[in-house]
Amino acid sequence: MISVVFDVVEVTWLDAQSSMENWSMDEIKSNLEPLVSKSVGYLIHETEEYIILGFLMFSNEMCKHHQLIPKGMIKNIHSIISSVVHYWVGRKDWS
């Protein structure tokens, strides 16, 4: 068994927007602002440029859903708790 400790964090970040609709330049300038988003997950990797959150962790060291957020978009990272994830080498279940 391999045990890995991950911080569970809440990340507040500014999300980019795009559209395929036809808008005038004035409509674009007056109607668009960055969207404030929040993501909660396991902090599985961090560099100077970005973080990666994992959301669905499996016992075979796989992560089904992940999200990379560039640090230039991050407003705040709040640590919620540290969590131990157990990986069972050579087994298919958690027990």
C-alpha atoms as a PDB file:
ATOM      1  CA  MET A   1       0.000   0.000   0.000  1.00  0.00           C
ATOM      2  CA  ILE A   2       1.191   3.491  -0.832  1.00  0.00           C
ATOM      3  CA  SER A   3      -0.196   6.417   1.171  1.00  0.00           C
ATOM      4  CA  VAL A   4       0.008   9.949  -0.226  1.00  0.00           C
ATOM      5  CA  VAL A   5      -1.065  13.111   1.605  1.00  0.00           C
ATOM      6  CA  PHE A   6      -2.832  15.726  -0.499  1.00  0.00           C
ATOM      7  CA  ASP A   7      -4.126  19.108   0.629  1.00  0.00           C
ATOM      8  CA  VAL A   8      -7.779  19.634  -0.157  1.00  0.00           C
ATOM      9  CA  VAL A   9      -8.064  23.263  -1.271  1.00  0.00           C
ATOM     10  CA  GLU A  10     -10.630  25.798  -2.427  1.00  0.00           C
ATOM     11  CA  VAL A  11      -9.269  27.892  -5.301  1.00  0.00           C
ATOM     12  CA  THR A  12     -10.876  31.219  -6.223  1.00  0.00           C
ATOM     13  CA  TRP A  13      -9.893  32.122  -9.764  1.00  0.00           C
ATOM     14  CA  LEU A  14     -10.889  34.287 -12.714  1.00  0.00           C
ATOM     15  CA  ASP A  15     -12.273  32.299 -15.631  1.00  0.00           C
ATOM     16  CA  ALA A  16     -11.849  33.394 -19.237  1.00  0.00           C
ATOM     17  CA  GLN A  17     -14.860  33.878 -21.526  1.00  0.00           C
ATOM     18  CA  SER A  18     -15.477  33.543 -25.214  1.00  0.00           C
ATOM     19  CA  SER A  19     -18.482  33.576 -27.514  1.00  0.00           C
ATOM     20  CA  MET A  20     -19.394  32.729 -31.074  1.00  0.00           C
ATOM     21  CA  GLU A  21     -22.291  35.228 -31.067  1.00  0.00           C
ATOM     22  CA  ASN A  22     -22.266  38.442 -33.082  1.00  0.00           C
ATOM     23  CA  TRP A  23     -21.954  41.387 -30.700  1.00  0.00           C
ATOM     24  CA  SER A  24     -21.015  44.974 -31.435  1.00  0.00           C
ATOM     25  CA  MET A  25     -17.768  46.252 -29.961  1.00  0.00           C
ATOM     26  CA  ASP A  26     -19.770  48.432 -27.535  1.00  0.00           C
ATOM     27  CA  GLU A  27     -21.783  45.392 -26.360  1.00  0.00           C
ATOM     28  CA  ILE A  28     -18.606  43.415 -25.825  1.00  0.00           C
ATOM     29  CA  LYS A  29     -16.936  46.220 -23.856  1.00  0.00           C
ATOM     30  CA  SER A  30     -19.960  46.917 -21.649  1.00  0.00           C
ATOM     31  CA  ASN A  31     -21.193  43.354 -20.987  1.00  0.00           C
ATOM     32  CA  LEU A  32     -18.137  41.225 -20.321  1.00  0.00           C
ATOM     33  CA  GLU A  33     -16.148  40.808 -17.122  1.00  0.00           C
ATOM     34  CA  PRO A  34     -14.033  37.912 -15.911  1.00  0.00           C
ATOM     35  CA  LEU A  35     -16.154  35.345 -14.095  1.00  0.00           C
ATOM     36  CA  VAL A  36     -15.136  34.532 -10.531  1.00  0.00           C
ATOM     37  CA  SER A  37     -15.008  30.759 -10.184  1.00  0.00           C
ATOM     38  CA  LYS A  38     -14.335  28.404  -7.276  1.00  0.00           C
ATOM     39  CA  SER A  39     -12.957  24.894  -7.485  1.00  0.00           C
ATOM     40  CA  VAL A  40     -12.471  22.472  -4.582  1.00  0.00           C
ATOM     41  CA  GLY A  41     -10.207  19.456  -4.980  1.00  0.00           C
ATOM     42  CA  TYR A  42      -7.016  17.607  -4.132  1.00  0.00           C
ATOM     43  CA  LEU A  43      -3.912  19.706  -4.845  1.00  0.00           C
ATOM     44  CA  ILE A  44      -1.959  17.074  -6.778  1.00  0.00           C
ATOM     45  CA  HIS A  45       0.732  19.283  -8.341  1.00  0.00           C
ATOM     46  CA  GLU A  46       2.017  22.859  -8.142  1.00  0.00           C
ATOM     47  CA  THR A  47       4.659  24.750 -10.122  1.00  0.00           C
ATOM     48  CA  GLU A  48       5.579  28.433 -10.347  1.00  0.00           C
ATOM     49  CA  GLU A  49       3.180  28.742 -13.316  1.00  0.00           C
ATOM     50  CA  TYR A  50       0.130  26.609 -12.433  1.00  0.00           C
ATOM     51  CA  ILE A  51      -1.621  24.220 -10.057  1.00  0.00           C
ATOM     52  CA  ILE A  52      -3.387  20.959 -10.843  1.00  0.00           C
ATOM     53  CA  LEU A  53      -6.433  19.824  -8.862  1.00  0.00           C
ATOM     54  CA  GLY A  54      -7.708  16.246  -8.846  1.00  0.00           C
ATOM     55  CA  PHE A  55     -11.371  15.504  -8.195  1.00  0.00           C
ATOM     56  CA  LEU A  56     -11.927  11.765  -8.503  1.00  0.00           C
ATOM     57  CA  MET A  57      -9.083   9.662  -7.125  1.00  0.00           C
ATOM     58  CA  PHE A  58      -8.890   5.883  -7.587  1.00  0.00           C
ATOM     59  CA  SER A  59      -7.027   3.194  -5.662  1.00  0.00           C
ATOM     60  CA  ASN A  60      -4.889   2.351  -8.723  1.00  0.00           C
ATOM     61  CA  GLU A  61      -3.141   5.772  -8.697  1.00  0.00           C
ATOM     62  CA  MET A  62      -5.474   7.150 -11.362  1.00  0.00           C
ATOM     63  CA  CYS A  63      -7.291  10.469 -11.337  1.00  0.00           C
ATOM     64  CA  LYS A  64     -10.414  10.607 -13.514  1.00  0.00           C
ATOM     65  CA  HIS A  65     -11.087  14.351 -13.444  1.00  0.00           C
ATOM     66  CA  HIS A  66      -8.393  17.003 -13.140  1.00  0.00           C
ATOM     67  CA  GLN A  67      -8.094  20.742 -13.701  1.00  0.00           C
ATOM     68  CA  LEU A  68      -5.031  22.864 -14.480  1.00  0.00           C
ATOM     69  CA  ILE A  69      -5.360  26.518 -13.400  1.00  0.00           C
ATOM     70  CA  PRO A  70      -2.654  29.039 -14.400  1.00  0.00           C
ATOM     71  CA  LYS A  71      -1.455  30.995 -11.356  1.00  0.00           C
ATOM     72  CA  GLY A  72      -2.044  34.294 -13.160  1.00  0.00           C
ATOM     73  CA  MET A  73      -5.787  33.526 -12.978  1.00  0.00           C
ATOM     74  CA  ILE A  74      -5.783  32.573  -9.262  1.00  0.00           C
ATOM     75  CA  LYS A  75      -7.030  35.092  -6.703  1.00  0.00           C
ATOM     76  CA  ASN A  76      -6.812  32.872  -3.599  1.00  0.00           C
ATOM     77  CA  ILE A  77      -6.000  29.325  -2.476  1.00  0.00           C
ATOM     78  CA  HIS A  78      -7.554  28.272   0.836  1.00  0.00           C
ATOM     79  CA  SER A  79      -6.401  25.003   2.408  1.00  0.00           C
ATOM     80  CA  ILE A  80      -9.379  23.097   3.827  1.00  0.00           C
ATOM     81  CA  ILE A  81      -7.767  19.908   5.160  1.00  0.00           C
ATOM     82  CA  SER A  82      -4.986  17.427   4.456  1.00  0.00           C
ATOM     83  CA  SER A  83      -6.232  14.060   3.288  1.00  0.00           C
ATOM     84  CA  VAL A  84      -4.477  10.710   2.974  1.00  0.00           C
ATOM     85  CA  VAL A  85      -5.168   8.773  -0.222  1.00  0.00           C
ATOM     86  CA  HIS A  86      -4.275   5.067  -0.121  1.00  0.00           C
ATOM     87  CA  TYR A  87      -3.150   3.348  -3.292  1.00  0.00           C
ATOM     88  CA  TRP A  88      -3.327  -0.431  -3.265  1.00  0.00           C
ATOM     89  CA  VAL A  89      -0.550  -1.688  -5.503  1.00  0.00           C
ATOM     90  CA  GLY A  90      -1.694  -4.704  -7.512  1.00  0.00           C
ATOM     91  CA  ARG A  91      -5.277  -4.625  -6.171  1.00  0.00           C
ATOM     92  CA  LYS A  92      -8.512  -3.372  -7.686  1.00  0.00           C
ATOM     93  CA  ASP A  93     -10.373  -2.295  -4.533  1.00  0.00           C
ATOM     94  CA  TRP A  94      -9.893  -0.112  -1.461  1.00  0.00           C
ATOM     95  CA  SER A  95     -10.316  -2.855   1.187  1.00  0.00           C
END
